[in-house]
Amino acid sequence: MNIYQNNLKNQEFEKEAPQNSCLEQATIADKQGAREDKNSEVKLTQSKTDSLDCLGITEQNTFFSAIPGQADPFLLRNSYQNKLVKSFKAYLAGTAKAVNIDLSPQIEKIEQLYPERPFSPLLYARYVQLKDAYDKKDLQRIFDSIQLFNHDPIDDYYTDERVYGGALEKEWERPFLQEIRETSPLDPDIHPEKGSIKILPLIDWKQADFPPPLFFKSLDLLSKLDTWLYQELEAYASHVKFYSSHTLLSVTSPRYFGAIYMHVPEEKDQELFYLETLAHETSHLHLFTIMDLNPLLQNGENDLYVSPIRADKRPMLGIVHAVFALSRMVRILRLYCEAFPTNTEAKELLIKRENGLKKGMTIISSQAQLTQEGKELFQTIEACAYN
């Protein structure tokens, strides 16, 4: 190990670090608190022109829109994954030069990946482990992350069929759940004795228990109520993981892209919960890929604003995510109420989401410093919710 430490110099790390890392904004999202309500989401970036050219997209395409169906989610996912591969390769190359070690076999392994196939969150986890260690110049963690990468079969980096299961079934989930337990906001009204319980694995469930029976009913409902939103779910959600919680209803993260985690509620509440949660978390995943094309905001990272849902102030990034997701939650609940007009619970939930959306749009209209792409997207919020 000493031979590596002798070659480890801070300036070499700084010089060789990728300048446009796919996930460099994910940590910012965490620090900014890109989470609203009891649901949570915790980015891949490059210039708009470069991104669109890479995708073969012309300026006539409406990728900066909240309306499902106006942007091809499979095209966006492939672009997102392609930049992950490039960023992973760049970090390996930077490490090889900084530590003076041959990592050509690892780089060749990355180059063998096909971004046209859906990646597993495992690949994102391996990237995040290397990136975080590299950025902190932590030699031990750098070598640990590369060793884990060395021993992963390359086929494990793909998920051609969606995986259903419980939280913490796989090794790659552990640091993610630890992040969530340490950073997710808590509901101030919960009982103190339950305050620290954000995610509990379902240790008494068997694999055959996943997903819960009523989940597929909600999934089928989503496909019938909104084909385009369902297509986004098909493009992005490679894993759906279930857990028990008193405080955190669902969560997604660009650092473990493709995994949707959700609480299992009481059976009587499951149909609406699963339907709304699928729309909610799919919307976060879609927005991650849109924001990868070009930033939507110019607000400072540390500036805080009144939240449309929570009592405490939040960064504008969290409000943008909340409003985008709320517009789609209103959309799916409105369609549900049209299909099931006697369901009073759905009507009450729709009113609650509409109030949150209205409040959020007022905040964005008065205080958000939107880029041109951000303005384009938020001009479509009302149409997304009500047309």
Foldseek 3Di string as FASTA:
>chain_A
DVLLVVLADPVLLVVQQDPQAQCPCQVLQLVQQLQFDLAEEGAGADELVVLCVVLVHDPPQLLLALAFPSDQLLSLQLSSQVRNLVNLLSLQVSSCNSRVHDPVVVNVLSVPDRSSFAFALVSLLLSVQCVVCSVVSPVVSNVVSVVVSVPDDSVNGGQNAAAWEAQPPDPSRVVVVVSCLVRPDFDPPDDPVQGSWAWATPVPDDSVCPPPPLLVVLLVLLCVLPVRLNSLLVNWARYEHETAGDRHAWYYYPSSTNYIYGYDDPPVPPNLSSNLSSLLVSQLSSVNSSVRSDHFFDDDSPDWDCALHDRDTGRVSSLVSLLSSLLRSLQSLVSVCVVVVVPVVSVVVSVVSVSSNVVSVVCCVVPTHTDPSNVSHVVNSNVNNPD
